[in-house]
PDB file of N, CA and C in Angstrom:
ATOM      1  N   MET A   1     116.358  97.974 107.589  1.00  0.00           N
ATOM      2  CA  MET A   1     115.357  99.158 107.450  1.00  0.00           C
ATOM      3  C   MET A   1     114.236  98.509 106.191  1.00  0.00           C
ATOM      4  N   PHE A   2     113.433  98.893 106.003  1.00  0.00           N
ATOM      5  CA  PHE A   2     112.749  98.297 105.186  1.00  0.00           C
ATOM      6  C   PHE A   2     112.072  99.801 104.150  1.00  0.00           C
ATOM      7  N   GLU A   3     112.445  99.637 103.197  1.00  0.00           N
ATOM      8  CA  GLU A   3     111.875 101.003 102.557  1.00  0.00           C
ATOM      9  C   GLU A   3     110.407 101.022 102.194  1.00  0.00           C
ATOM     10  N   TYR A   4     109.855 102.306 101.663  1.00  0.00           N
ATOM     11  CA  TYR A   4     108.498 102.411 102.055  1.00  0.00           C
ATOM     12  C   TYR A   4     108.085 103.449 101.152  1.00  0.00           C
ATOM     13  N   THR A   5     107.026 103.652 100.453  1.00  0.00           N
ATOM     14  CA  THR A   5     106.556 104.895 100.083  1.00  0.00           C
ATOM     15  C   THR A   5     104.916 105.474 100.624  1.00  0.00           C
ATOM     16  N   ILE A   6     104.660 106.414 100.671  1.00  0.00           N
ATOM     17  CA  ILE A   6     103.360 106.778 100.930  1.00  0.00           C
ATOM     18  C   ILE A   6     102.605 107.355  99.768  1.00  0.00           C
ATOM     19  N   THR A   7     101.229 106.764  99.470  1.00  0.00           N
ATOM     20  CA  THR A   7     100.389 106.965  98.394  1.00  0.00           C
ATOM     21  C   THR A   7      98.979 107.222  98.782  1.00  0.00           C
ATOM     22  N   PRO A   8      98.682 108.246  98.041  1.00  0.00           N
ATOM     23  CA  PRO A   8      97.306 108.788  98.381  1.00  0.00           C
ATOM     24  C   PRO A   8      96.277 108.112  98.584  1.00  0.00           C
ATOM     25  N   LYS A   9      96.020 107.112  97.969  1.00  0.00           N
ATOM     26  CA  LYS A   9      94.764 106.224  97.966  1.00  0.00           C
ATOM     27  C   LYS A   9      95.144 104.828  98.568  1.00  0.00           C
ATOM     28  N   PRO A  10      94.531 104.197  99.676  1.00  0.00           N
ATOM     29  CA  PRO A  10      94.431 102.975 100.206  1.00  0.00           C
ATOM     30  C   PRO A  10      93.944 102.189  99.272  1.00  0.00           C
ATOM     31  N   SER A  11      94.468 100.923  98.713  1.00  0.00           N
ATOM     32  CA  SER A  11      93.855  99.857  97.964  1.00  0.00           C
ATOM     33  C   SER A  11      92.650  99.565  99.022  1.00  0.00           C
ATOM     34  N   LYS A  12      91.842  98.564  98.130  1.00  0.00           N
ATOM     35  CA  LYS A  12      90.292  98.303  99.038  1.00  0.00           C
ATOM     36  C   LYS A  12      90.984  97.201 100.184  1.00  0.00           C
ATOM     37  N   GLN A  13      91.873  96.070 100.087  1.00  0.00           N
ATOM     38  CA  GLN A  13      92.681  95.341 100.874  1.00  0.00           C
ATOM     39  C   GLN A  13      93.622  95.730 101.395  1.00  0.00           C
ATOM     40  N   ASP A  14      94.375  94.931 102.247  1.00  0.00           N
ATOM     41  CA  ASP A  14      95.535  95.551 103.244  1.00  0.00           C
ATOM     42  C   ASP A  14      96.207  93.906 101.969  1.00  0.00           C
ATOM     43  N   THR A  15      97.333  94.226 102.120  1.00  0.00           N
ATOM     44  CA  THR A  15      98.183  92.940 101.945  1.00  0.00           C
ATOM     45  C   THR A  15      99.284  92.962 102.528  1.00  0.00           C
ATOM     46  N   LEU A  16     100.035  91.986 102.622  1.00  0.00           N
ATOM     47  CA  LEU A  16     101.357  91.560 103.637  1.00  0.00           C
ATOM     48  C   LEU A  16     101.689  90.178 102.464  1.00  0.00           C
ATOM     49  N   HIS A  17     102.891  90.427 102.261  1.00  0.00           N
ATOM     50  CA  HIS A  17     103.261  89.313 101.777  1.00  0.00           C
ATOM     51  C   HIS A  17     104.960  88.745 102.244  1.00  0.00           C
ATOM     52  N   ILE A  18     104.946  87.628 103.068  1.00  0.00           N
ATOM     53  CA  ILE A  18     105.817  87.643 104.235  1.00  0.00           C
ATOM     54  C   ILE A  18     106.794  86.187 103.289  1.00  0.00           C
ATOM     55  N   THR A  19     108.225  86.386 103.257  1.00  0.00           N
ATOM     56  CA  THR A  19     108.741  84.883 102.395  1.00  0.00           C
ATOM     57  C   THR A  19     110.204  84.928 103.730  1.00  0.00           C
ATOM     58  N   LYS A  20     110.752  83.813 103.290  1.00  0.00           N
ATOM     59  CA  LYS A  20     112.011  83.682 104.495  1.00  0.00           C
ATOM     60  C   LYS A  20     112.735  85.068 105.046  1.00  0.00           C
ATOM     61  N   SER A  21     113.044  85.986 103.793  1.00  0.00           N
ATOM     62  CA  SER A  21     114.223  86.799 103.799  1.00  0.00           C
ATOM     63  C   SER A  21     113.627  88.242 103.831  1.00  0.00           C
ATOM     64  N   SER A  22     111.773  88.552 103.376  1.00  0.00           N
ATOM     65  CA  SER A  22     111.625  89.744 102.919  1.00  0.00           C
ATOM     66  C   SER A  22     110.181  89.437 103.419  1.00  0.00           C
ATOM     67  N   VAL A  23     109.450  91.328 103.639  1.00  0.00           N
ATOM     68  CA  VAL A  23     108.053  91.278 103.652  1.00  0.00           C
ATOM     69  C   VAL A  23     107.739  92.657 102.910  1.00  0.00           C
ATOM     70  N   SER A  24     106.787  92.122 102.206  1.00  0.00           N
ATOM     71  CA  SER A  24     106.368  93.427 101.131  1.00  0.00           C
ATOM     72  C   SER A  24     105.153  93.534 101.711  1.00  0.00           C
ATOM     73  N   ALA A  25     104.227  94.838 101.604  1.00  0.00           N
ATOM     74  CA  ALA A  25     103.013  95.374 102.270  1.00  0.00           C
ATOM     75  C   ALA A  25     102.670  96.579 101.157  1.00  0.00           C
ATOM     76  N   HIS A  26     101.422  96.621 101.112  1.00  0.00           N
ATOM     77  CA  HIS A  26     100.317  97.541 100.941  1.00  0.00           C
ATOM     78  C   HIS A  26      99.278  97.784 102.351  1.00  0.00           C
ATOM     79  N   ILE A  27      99.867  98.929 102.903  1.00  0.00           N
ATOM     80  CA  ILE A  27      98.895  98.801 104.288  1.00  0.00           C
ATOM     81  C   ILE A  27      97.833 100.114 104.227  1.00  0.00           C
ATOM     82  N   ALA A  28      96.671 100.163 104.339  1.00  0.00           N
ATOM     83  CA  ALA A  28      95.816 101.692 104.658  1.00  0.00           C
ATOM     84  C   ALA A  28      96.388 101.923 106.207  1.00  0.00           C
ATOM     85  N   LEU A  29      96.643 103.337 105.513  1.00  0.00           N
ATOM     86  CA  LEU A  29      96.819 104.781 107.118  1.00  0.00           C
ATOM     87  C   LEU A  29      95.877 105.330 107.035  1.00  0.00           C
ATOM     88  N   VAL A  30      95.361 105.634 108.221  1.00  0.00           N
ATOM     89  CA  VAL A  30      94.646 106.817 108.537  1.00  0.00           C
ATOM     90  C   VAL A  30      95.615 107.738 109.338  1.00  0.00           C
ATOM     91  N   ARG A  31      95.795 109.132 108.603  1.00  0.00           N
ATOM     92  CA  ARG A  31      96.039 110.334 109.186  1.00  0.00           C
ATOM     93  C   ARG A  31      95.741 111.104 109.895  1.00  0.00           C
ATOM     94  N   PHE A  32      95.788 111.931 111.193  1.00  0.00           N
ATOM     95  CA  PHE A  32      94.578 112.934 111.691  1.00  0.00           C
ATOM     96  C   PHE A  32      94.734 113.282 113.057  1.00  0.00           C
ATOM     97  N   ILE A  33      94.274 114.673 113.300  1.00  0.00           N
ATOM     98  CA  ILE A  33      94.726 115.573 114.449  1.00  0.00           C
ATOM     99  C   ILE A  33      94.062 115.020 115.452  1.00  0.00           C
ATOM    100  N   ASP A  34      94.920 114.581 116.577  1.00  0.00           N
ATOM    101  CA  ASP A  34      94.192 114.201 117.779  1.00  0.00           C
ATOM    102  C   ASP A  34      93.600 115.156 118.363  1.00  0.00           C
ATOM    103  N   LYS A  35      92.491 115.396 119.111  1.00  0.00           N
ATOM    104  CA  LYS A  35      91.777 116.716 119.560  1.00  0.00           C
ATOM    105  C   LYS A  35      92.533 116.944 120.992  1.00  0.00           C
ATOM    106  N   ASP A  36      93.299 115.829 121.688  1.00  0.00           N
ATOM    107  CA  ASP A  36      93.793 116.548 123.148  1.00  0.00           C
ATOM    108  C   ASP A  36      94.739 117.121 123.028  1.00  0.00           C
ATOM    109  N   THR A  37      95.591 116.521 122.159  1.00  0.00           N
ATOM    110  CA  THR A  37      97.109 117.035 122.173  1.00  0.00           C
ATOM    111  C   THR A  37      97.543 117.638 120.677  1.00  0.00           C
ATOM    112  N   GLY A  38      96.578 117.737 119.635  1.00  0.00           N
ATOM    113  CA  GLY A  38      97.149 118.494 118.656  1.00  0.00           C
ATOM    114  C   GLY A  38      98.192 117.777 118.024  1.00  0.00           C
ATOM    115  N   HIS A  39      98.585 116.687 118.108  1.00  0.00           N
ATOM    116  CA  HIS A  39      99.761 115.906 117.002  1.00  0.00           C
ATOM    117  C   HIS A  39      98.792 115.214 116.332  1.00  0.00           C
ATOM    118  N   TYR A  40      99.869 115.115 114.844  1.00  0.00           N
ATOM    119  CA  TYR A  40      99.225 114.115 114.118  1.00  0.00           C
ATOM    120  C   TYR A  40      99.664 113.004 114.545  1.00  0.00           C
ATOM    121  N   VAL A  41      98.351 112.114 113.831  1.00  0.00           N
ATOM    122  CA  VAL A  41      98.538 110.577 114.208  1.00  0.00           C
ATOM    123  C   VAL A  41      98.527 109.918 112.868  1.00  0.00           C
ATOM    124  N   ALA A  42      99.615 108.873 112.656  1.00  0.00           N
ATOM    125  CA  ALA A  42      99.265 108.110 111.523  1.00  0.00           C
ATOM    126  C   ALA A  42      99.023 106.596 112.005  1.00  0.00           C
ATOM    127  N   TYR A  43      98.075 106.028 111.840  1.00  0.00           N
ATOM    128  CA  TYR A  43      97.298 104.482 112.640  1.00  0.00           C
ATOM    129  C   TYR A  43      97.206 103.479 111.428  1.00  0.00           C
ATOM    130  N   ALA A  44      97.517 102.551 111.424  1.00  0.00           N
ATOM    131  CA  ALA A  44      97.473 101.275 110.311  1.00  0.00           C
ATOM    132  C   ALA A  44      96.478 100.189 111.142  1.00  0.00           C
ATOM    133  N   PRO A  45      95.178 100.280 111.285  1.00  0.00           N
ATOM    134  CA  PRO A  45      94.370  99.161 111.917  1.00  0.00           C
ATOM    135  C   PRO A  45      94.639  97.737 111.460  1.00  0.00           C
ATOM    136  N   SER A  46      95.137  97.567 110.436  1.00  0.00           N
ATOM    137  CA  SER A  46      94.912  96.208 110.176  1.00  0.00           C
ATOM    138  C   SER A  46      96.484  95.571 110.961  1.00  0.00           C
ATOM    139  N   LEU A  47      97.170  96.821 111.078  1.00  0.00           N
ATOM    140  CA  LEU A  47      98.445  96.219 111.979  1.00  0.00           C
ATOM    141  C   LEU A  47      98.560  96.450 113.600  1.00  0.00           C
ATOM    142  N   GLU A  48      97.650  97.347 114.057  1.00  0.00           N
ATOM    143  CA  GLU A  48      97.536  97.877 115.152  1.00  0.00           C
ATOM    144  C   GLU A  48      98.682  98.665 115.736  1.00  0.00           C
ATOM    145  N   LEU A  49      98.931  99.869 114.491  1.00  0.00           N
ATOM    146  CA  LEU A  49     100.466 100.584 114.862  1.00  0.00           C
ATOM    147  C   LEU A  49     100.122 101.989 114.495  1.00  0.00           C
ATOM    148  N   SER A  50     100.568 102.633 115.298  1.00  0.00           N
ATOM    149  CA  SER A  50     100.604 103.814 114.973  1.00  0.00           C
ATOM    150  C   SER A  50     101.975 104.947 115.448  1.00  0.00           C
ATOM    151  N   GLY A  51     101.952 106.259 114.615  1.00  0.00           N
ATOM    152  CA  GLY A  51     102.769 107.005 115.188  1.00  0.00           C
ATOM    153  C   GLY A  51     102.451 108.469 114.928  1.00  0.00           C
ATOM    154  N   TYR A  52     103.374 109.265 116.127  1.00  0.00           N
ATOM    155  CA  TYR A  52     102.672 110.616 116.167  1.00  0.00           C
ATOM    156  C   TYR A  52     103.509 111.623 115.769  1.00  0.00           C
ATOM    157  N   GLY A  53     103.391 112.751 115.736  1.00  0.00           N
ATOM    158  CA  GLY A  53     104.257 113.950 115.657  1.00  0.00           C
ATOM    159  C   GLY A  53     103.725 115.287 115.692  1.00  0.00           C
ATOM    160  N   GLU A  54     104.295 116.340 115.705  1.00  0.00           N
ATOM    161  CA  GLU A  54     104.408 117.494 115.635  1.00  0.00           C
ATOM    162  C   GLU A  54     103.590 118.220 113.800  1.00  0.00           C
ATOM    163  N   ASN A  55     103.799 117.260 113.197  1.00  0.00           N
ATOM    164  CA  ASN A  55     103.759 117.538 111.535  1.00  0.00           C
ATOM    165  C   ASN A  55     103.478 115.943 111.077  1.00  0.00           C
ATOM    166  N   PRO A  56     102.929 116.009 109.584  1.00  0.00           N
ATOM    167  CA  PRO A  56     102.309 114.938 109.545  1.00  0.00           C
ATOM    168  C   PRO A  56     103.678 113.884 108.584  1.00  0.00           C
ATOM    169  N   THR A  57     104.718 114.700 108.646  1.00  0.00           N
ATOM    170  CA  THR A  57     106.175 113.972 108.305  1.00  0.00           C
ATOM    171  C   THR A  57     106.656 113.072 109.821  1.00  0.00           C
ATOM    172  N   GLU A  58     106.820 113.867 110.873  1.00  0.00           N
ATOM    173  CA  GLU A  58     107.038 113.185 112.027  1.00  0.00           C
ATOM    174  C   GLU A  58     105.978 112.257 112.786  1.00  0.00           C
ATOM    175  N   ALA A  59     104.922 112.147 112.216  1.00  0.00           N
ATOM    176  CA  ALA A  59     103.993 110.707 112.425  1.00  0.00           C
ATOM    177  C   ALA A  59     104.255 109.974 111.505  1.00  0.00           C
ATOM    178  N   ILE A  60     104.373 109.812 110.187  1.00  0.00           N
ATOM    179  CA  ILE A  60     104.886 108.703 109.291  1.00  0.00           C
ATOM    180  C   ILE A  60     106.551 108.439 109.642  1.00  0.00           C
ATOM    181  N   GLU A  61     106.987 109.347 110.121  1.00  0.00           N
ATOM    182  CA  GLU A  61     108.466 108.667 110.536  1.00  0.00           C
ATOM    183  C   GLU A  61     108.379 107.670 111.793  1.00  0.00           C
ATOM    184  N   MET A  62     107.656 108.087 112.725  1.00  0.00           N
ATOM    185  CA  MET A  62     107.589 107.331 113.879  1.00  0.00           C
ATOM    186  C   MET A  62     107.167 106.140 113.594  1.00  0.00           C
ATOM    187  N   PHE A  63     105.796 106.417 112.806  1.00  0.00           N
ATOM    188  CA  PHE A  63     104.732 105.020 112.486  1.00  0.00           C
ATOM    189  C   PHE A  63     105.817 104.293 111.357  1.00  0.00           C
ATOM    190  N   SER A  64     106.876 104.677 110.766  1.00  0.00           N
ATOM    191  CA  SER A  64     107.619 103.602 109.703  1.00  0.00           C
ATOM    192  C   SER A  64     108.874 103.001 110.882  1.00  0.00           C
ATOM    193  N   SER A  65     109.344 103.803 111.710  1.00  0.00           N
ATOM    194  CA  SER A  65     110.078 102.714 112.543  1.00  0.00           C
ATOM    195  C   SER A  65     109.043 101.900 113.418  1.00  0.00           C
ATOM    196  N   SER A  66     107.917 102.148 113.811  1.00  0.00           N
ATOM    197  CA  SER A  66     107.109 101.008 114.807  1.00  0.00           C
ATOM    198  C   SER A  66     107.051  99.728 113.480  1.00  0.00           C
ATOM    199  N   VAL A  67     106.767  99.739 112.350  1.00  0.00           N
ATOM    200  CA  VAL A  67     106.357  98.879 111.415  1.00  0.00           C
ATOM    201  C   VAL A  67     107.446  98.311 111.039  1.00  0.00           C
ATOM    202  N   ASN A  68     108.702  99.002 110.919  1.00  0.00           N
ATOM    203  CA  ASN A  68     110.026  98.242 110.727  1.00  0.00           C
ATOM    204  C   ASN A  68     110.474  97.033 111.703  1.00  0.00           C
ATOM    205  N   ASP A  69     110.074  98.013 112.996  1.00  0.00           N
ATOM    206  CA  ASP A  69     110.260  97.109 114.204  1.00  0.00           C
ATOM    207  C   ASP A  69     109.353  95.538 114.213  1.00  0.00           C
ATOM    208  N   LEU A  70     108.047  95.671 113.704  1.00  0.00           N
ATOM    209  CA  LEU A  70     107.095  94.192 113.666  1.00  0.00           C
ATOM    210  C   LEU A  70     107.684  93.721 112.297  1.00  0.00           C
ATOM    211  N   PHE A  71     108.080  94.223 111.044  1.00  0.00           N
ATOM    212  CA  PHE A  71     108.370  93.340 110.030  1.00  0.00           C
ATOM    213  C   PHE A  71     109.734  92.509 110.569  1.00  0.00           C
ATOM    214  N   GLU A  72     110.678  93.318 111.128  1.00  0.00           N
ATOM    215  CA  GLU A  72     111.964  92.466 111.635  1.00  0.00           C
ATOM    216  C   GLU A  72     111.663  91.525 112.197  1.00  0.00           C
ATOM    217  N   ARG A  73     110.595  91.601 113.423  1.00  0.00           N
ATOM    218  CA  ARG A  73     110.070  90.541 114.415  1.00  0.00           C
ATOM    219  C   ARG A  73     109.305  89.454 113.655  1.00  0.00           C
ATOM    220  N   LEU A  74     108.639  89.347 113.163  1.00  0.00           N
ATOM    221  CA  LEU A  74     107.884  88.675 111.940  1.00  0.00           C
ATOM    222  C   LEU A  74     108.708  87.953 111.116  1.00  0.00           C
ATOM    223  N   LEU A  75     109.368  88.610 110.680  1.00  0.00           N
ATOM    224  CA  LEU A  75     110.773  87.542 109.491  1.00  0.00           C
ATOM    225  C   LEU A  75     111.719  86.776 110.591  1.00  0.00           C
ATOM    226  N   LYS A  76     111.767  86.957 111.592  1.00  0.00           N
ATOM    227  CA  LYS A  76     112.393  86.480 112.579  1.00  0.00           C
ATOM    228  C   LYS A  76     111.352  84.567 113.179  1.00  0.00           C
ATOM    229  N   MET A  77     110.194  84.792 113.328  1.00  0.00           N
ATOM    230  CA  MET A  77     109.014  84.052 113.716  1.00  0.00           C
ATOM    231  C   MET A  77     108.947  82.743 112.962  1.00  0.00           C
ATOM    232  N   LYS A  78     108.855  81.532 113.625  1.00  0.00           N
ATOM    233  CA  LYS A  78     108.792  80.432 112.896  1.00  0.00           C
ATOM    234  C   LYS A  78     107.436  80.503 112.049  1.00  0.00           C
ATOM    235  N   LYS A  79     107.389  79.379 111.533  1.00  0.00           N
ATOM    236  CA  LYS A  79     105.900  79.551 110.378  1.00  0.00           C
ATOM    237  C   LYS A  79     104.358  79.482 111.245  1.00  0.00           C
ATOM    238  N   ASP A  80     104.570  78.669 112.423  1.00  0.00           N
ATOM    239  CA  ASP A  80     103.242  78.354 112.994  1.00  0.00           C
ATOM    240  C   ASP A  80     103.165  79.951 113.894  1.00  0.00           C
ATOM    241  N   ASP A  81     104.206  80.302 114.645  1.00  0.00           N
ATOM    242  CA  ASP A  81     104.233  81.259 115.497  1.00  0.00           C
ATOM    243  C   ASP A  81     103.906  82.627 114.443  1.00  0.00           C
ATOM    244  N   LEU A  82     104.148  82.658 113.332  1.00  0.00           N
ATOM    245  CA  LEU A  82     103.584  83.986 112.587  1.00  0.00           C
ATOM    246  C   LEU A  82     102.320  83.926 111.838  1.00  0.00           C
ATOM    247  N   ALA A  83     101.976  82.561 111.948  1.00  0.00           N
ATOM    248  CA  ALA A  83     100.608  82.316 111.510  1.00  0.00           C
ATOM    249  C   ALA A  83      99.639  82.633 112.711  1.00  0.00           C
ATOM    250  N   ALA A  84      99.737  82.328 113.880  1.00  0.00           N
ATOM    251  CA  ALA A  84      99.007  82.818 114.966  1.00  0.00           C
ATOM    252  C   ALA A  84      99.698  84.207 115.268  1.00  0.00           C
ATOM    253  N   GLU A  85     100.380  84.883 115.129  1.00  0.00           N
ATOM    254  CA  GLU A  85     100.605  86.082 115.468  1.00  0.00           C
ATOM    255  C   GLU A  85      99.864  86.946 114.286  1.00  0.00           C
ATOM    256  N   LEU A  86      99.648  86.747 113.076  1.00  0.00           N
ATOM    257  CA  LEU A  86      98.526  87.293 112.108  1.00  0.00           C
ATOM    258  C   LEU A  86      97.415  87.167 112.088  1.00  0.00           C
ATOM    259  N   LYS A  87      96.963  86.084 112.831  1.00  0.00           N
ATOM    260  CA  LYS A  87      95.790  85.846 113.013  1.00  0.00           C
ATOM    261  C   LYS A  87      95.170  86.721 114.094  1.00  0.00           C
ATOM    262  N   ARG A  88      96.026  86.810 115.136  1.00  0.00           N
ATOM    263  CA  ARG A  88      95.891  87.734 116.011  1.00  0.00           C
ATOM    264  C   ARG A  88      95.699  89.347 115.398  1.00  0.00           C
ATOM    265  N   TYR A  89      96.032  89.771 114.975  1.00  0.00           N
ATOM    266  CA  TYR A  89      95.451  91.145 114.474  1.00  0.00           C
ATOM    267  C   TYR A  89      94.588  91.095 112.989  1.00  0.00           C
ATOM    268  N   GLY A  90      94.360  89.612 112.836  1.00  0.00           N
ATOM    269  CA  GLY A  90      92.830  89.816 111.835  1.00  0.00           C
ATOM    270  C   GLY A  90      93.152  89.507 110.564  1.00  0.00           C
ATOM    271  N   TRP A  91      94.421  88.693 110.384  1.00  0.00           N
ATOM    272  CA  TRP A  91      94.687  88.217 108.873  1.00  0.00           C
ATOM    273  C   TRP A  91      94.234  87.281 108.646  1.00  0.00           C
ATOM    274  N   LYS A  92      93.952  86.730 107.521  1.00  0.00           N
ATOM    275  CA  LYS A  92      93.812  85.321 107.209  1.00  0.00           C
ATOM    276  C   LYS A  92      93.805  85.585 105.692  1.00  0.00           C
ATOM    277  N   LYS A  93      94.243  83.829 105.588  1.00  0.00           N
ATOM    278  CA  LYS A  93      94.752  83.384 104.006  1.00  0.00           C
ATOM    279  C   LYS A  93      93.459  83.356 103.561  1.00  0.00           C
ATOM    280  N   HIS A  94      93.968  83.652 102.056  1.00  0.00           N
ATOM    281  CA  HIS A  94      92.629  83.834 100.868  1.00  0.00           C
ATOM    282  C   HIS A  94      93.173  82.782  99.692  1.00  0.00           C
ATOM    283  N   ARG A  95      92.340  82.094  99.274  1.00  0.00           N
ATOM    284  CA  ARG A  95      92.882  80.945  98.479  1.00  0.00           C
ATOM    285  C   ARG A  95      93.990  81.719  97.448  1.00  0.00           C
ATOM    286  N   PHE A  96      93.445  82.774  96.945  1.00  0.00           N
ATOM    287  CA  PHE A  96      93.699  83.512  95.590  1.00  0.00           C
ATOM    288  C   PHE A  96      94.475  84.766  95.589  1.00  0.00           C
ATOM    289  N   ARG A  97      94.695  85.346  96.951  1.00  0.00           N
ATOM    290  CA  ARG A  97      95.738  86.239  97.261  1.00  0.00           C
ATOM    291  C   ARG A  97      95.998  85.850  98.975  1.00  0.00           C
ATOM    292  N   ASN A  98      97.543  86.477  99.061  1.00  0.00           N
ATOM    293  CA  ASN A  98      97.949  86.063  99.971  1.00  0.00           C
ATOM    294  C   ASN A  98      97.291  86.751 101.748  1.00  0.00           C
ATOM    295  N   LYS A  99      96.547  87.391 101.800  1.00  0.00           N
ATOM    296  CA  LYS A  99      95.955  87.877 103.067  1.00  0.00           C
ATOM    297  C   LYS A  99      95.161  89.051 102.880  1.00  0.00           C
ATOM    298  N   ASP A 100      94.204  89.364 103.345  1.00  0.00           N
ATOM    299  CA  ASP A 100      93.350  90.366 103.232  1.00  0.00           C
ATOM    300  C   ASP A 100      93.045  90.848 104.530  1.00  0.00           C
ATOM    301  N   PHE A 101      92.766  91.888 104.401  1.00  0.00           N
ATOM    302  CA  PHE A 101      92.132  92.561 105.702  1.00  0.00           C
ATOM    303  C   PHE A 101      90.922  93.337 106.006  1.00  0.00           C
ATOM    304  N   SER A 102      90.011  93.598 106.710  1.00  0.00           N
ATOM    305  CA  SER A 102      88.792  94.451 106.301  1.00  0.00           C
ATOM    306  C   SER A 102      88.929  96.006 106.023  1.00  0.00           C
ATOM    307  N   ALA A 103      88.244  96.711 105.526  1.00  0.00           N
ATOM    308  CA  ALA A 103      88.253  98.046 105.283  1.00  0.00           C
ATOM    309  C   ALA A 103      88.272  98.571 106.599  1.00  0.00           C
ATOM    310  N   LEU A 104      89.180 100.063 106.418  1.00  0.00           N
ATOM    311  CA  LEU A 104      89.236 100.925 107.078  1.00  0.00           C
ATOM    312  C   LEU A 104      88.272 101.426 107.929  1.00  0.00           C
ATOM    313  N   ARG A 105      88.389 101.649 109.506  1.00  0.00           N
ATOM    314  CA  ARG A 105      87.327 102.257 109.906  1.00  0.00           C
ATOM    315  C   ARG A 105      86.998 103.437 109.949  1.00  0.00           C
ATOM    316  N   VAL A 106      86.666 103.764 108.689  1.00  0.00           N
ATOM    317  CA  VAL A 106      86.493 105.240 108.563  1.00  0.00           C
ATOM    318  C   VAL A 106      84.910 105.063 108.024  1.00  0.00           C
ATOM    319  N   ASP A 107      84.103 105.962 108.461  1.00  0.00           N
ATOM    320  CA  ASP A 107      82.384 106.273 107.781  1.00  0.00           C
ATOM    321  C   ASP A 107      82.712 107.020 106.493  1.00  0.00           C
ATOM    322  N   ILE A 108      81.109 107.541 105.964  1.00  0.00           N
ATOM    323  CA  ILE A 108      81.308 107.617 105.055  1.00  0.00           C
ATOM    324  C   ILE A 108      81.652 109.325 105.179  1.00  0.00           C
ATOM    325  N   ASN A 109      81.371 109.853 105.901  1.00  0.00           N
ATOM    326  CA  ASN A 109      81.346 111.254 106.128  1.00  0.00           C
ATOM    327  C   ASN A 109      83.161 111.694 106.945  1.00  0.00           C
ATOM    328  N   GLY A 110      84.009 110.325 106.448  1.00  0.00           N
ATOM    329  CA  GLY A 110      85.463 110.728 106.987  1.00  0.00           C
ATOM    330  C   GLY A 110      85.583 110.963 108.304  1.00  0.00           C
ATOM    331  N   ARG A 111      84.588 110.402 109.313  1.00  0.00           N
ATOM    332  CA  ARG A 111      85.184 110.209 110.479  1.00  0.00           C
ATOM    333  C   ARG A 111      85.679 109.078 111.235  1.00  0.00           C
ATOM    334  N   LEU A 112      86.759 108.999 111.755  1.00  0.00           N
ATOM    335  CA  LEU A 112      87.461 107.488 111.892  1.00  0.00           C
ATOM    336  C   LEU A 112      86.837 107.342 113.571  1.00  0.00           C
ATOM    337  N   LYS A 113      86.380 106.058 113.487  1.00  0.00           N
ATOM    338  CA  LYS A 113      85.488 105.366 114.720  1.00  0.00           C
ATOM    339  C   LYS A 113      86.655 105.049 115.765  1.00  0.00           C
ATOM    340  N   ASP A 114      86.042 105.130 116.656  1.00  0.00           N
ATOM    341  CA  ASP A 114      87.247 104.816 118.380  1.00  0.00           C
ATOM    342  C   ASP A 114      88.064 105.677 118.053  1.00  0.00           C
ATOM    343  N   MET A 115      88.216 106.669 117.541  1.00  0.00           N
ATOM    344  CA  MET A 115      89.389 107.747 117.615  1.00  0.00           C
ATOM    345  C   MET A 115      89.324 109.204 118.666  1.00  0.00           C
ATOM    346  N   ASN A 116      89.954 109.749 118.893  1.00  0.00           N
ATOM    347  CA  ASN A 116      89.899 111.306 119.472  1.00  0.00           C
ATOM    348  C   ASN A 116      90.459 111.963 118.224  1.00  0.00           C
ATOM    349  N   ALA A 117      89.729 111.573 116.884  1.00  0.00           N
ATOM    350  CA  ALA A 117      90.035 112.921 115.821  1.00  0.00           C
ATOM    351  C   ALA A 117      89.457 114.289 115.810  1.00  0.00           C
ATOM    352  N   VAL A 118      90.415 114.753 115.625  1.00  0.00           N
ATOM    353  CA  VAL A 118      89.517 116.499 115.349  1.00  0.00           C
ATOM    354  C   VAL A 118      89.207 116.315 113.870  1.00  0.00           C
ATOM    355  N   GLU A 119      87.609 116.815 114.059  1.00  0.00           N
ATOM    356  CA  GLU A 119      86.799 116.662 112.543  1.00  0.00           C
ATOM    357  C   GLU A 119      87.250 117.807 111.666  1.00  0.00           C
ATOM    358  N   ASN A 120      87.150 116.673 110.594  1.00  0.00           N
ATOM    359  CA  ASN A 120      87.625 116.785 109.003  1.00  0.00           C
ATOM    360  C   ASN A 120      89.096 116.804 108.561  1.00  0.00           C
ATOM    361  N   SER A 121      89.606 115.936 110.023  1.00  0.00           N
ATOM    362  CA  SER A 121      91.158 115.913 109.447  1.00  0.00           C
ATOM    363  C   SER A 121      91.981 114.861 109.345  1.00  0.00           C
ATOM    364  N   VAL A 122      90.681 113.753 109.028  1.00  0.00           N
ATOM    365  CA  VAL A 122      90.991 112.426 108.668  1.00  0.00           C
ATOM    366  C   VAL A 122      91.551 112.503 107.384  1.00  0.00           C
ATOM    367  N   GLU A 123      91.926 111.451 107.163  1.00  0.00           N
ATOM    368  CA  GLU A 123      92.928 111.740 105.832  1.00  0.00           C
ATOM    369  C   GLU A 123      93.281 110.011 105.192  1.00  0.00           C
ATOM    370  N   GLN A 124      92.802 109.488 104.127  1.00  0.00           N
ATOM    371  CA  GLN A 124      93.205 108.140 104.089  1.00  0.00           C
ATOM    372  C   GLN A 124      94.514 107.900 102.824  1.00  0.00           C
ATOM    373  N   ILE A 125      95.481 107.297 103.502  1.00  0.00           N
ATOM    374  CA  ILE A 125      96.720 107.252 102.674  1.00  0.00           C
ATOM    375  C   ILE A 125      97.021 105.817 102.634  1.00  0.00           C
ATOM    376  N   ALA A 126      98.345 105.466 102.366  1.00  0.00           N
ATOM    377  CA  ALA A 126      98.994 104.047 102.323  1.00  0.00           C
ATOM    378  C   ALA A 126     100.107 103.685 102.664  1.00  0.00           C
ATOM    379  N   LEU A 127     100.637 102.862 103.458  1.00  0.00           N
ATOM    380  CA  LEU A 127     102.037 102.830 103.212  1.00  0.00           C
ATOM    381  C   LEU A 127     102.199 101.490 101.962  1.00  0.00           C
ATOM    382  N   THR A 128     102.951 101.640 100.987  1.00  0.00           N
ATOM    383  CA  THR A 128     103.377 100.349 100.618  1.00  0.00           C
ATOM    384  C   THR A 128     104.956 100.143 100.747  1.00  0.00           C
ATOM    385  N   ALA A 129     105.249  99.238 101.235  1.00  0.00           N
ATOM    386  CA  ALA A 129     106.611  98.526 101.622  1.00  0.00           C
ATOM    387  C   ALA A 129     107.319  97.410 100.910  1.00  0.00           C
TER     388      ALA A 129
END
């Protein structure tokens, strides 16, 4: 199980560092209320992972379970398979930083693009593992 903390402000770029035995990350999350279900949703665009629950804590707990499963799977991959998998998610190697990902899909008014979010319920947070 990976340890993580939730911080109120995401960095400008997501980072993911993978060695043979560990994963460390700083991943931007968006937490919002789904219009149809009324559930809280925690979503990481750069990992295409989400979790949901009746309250924000349940959404983060379900999300953390999904991210743990992903990190465990990434650690077991061969180097070439890992590179292909990360490329599929949109990650790329950078000369000076390990990996970067584009900004969140949130517009300047706080609306989450392509999601069914209740207006004014979108909150940008970050997961650090």
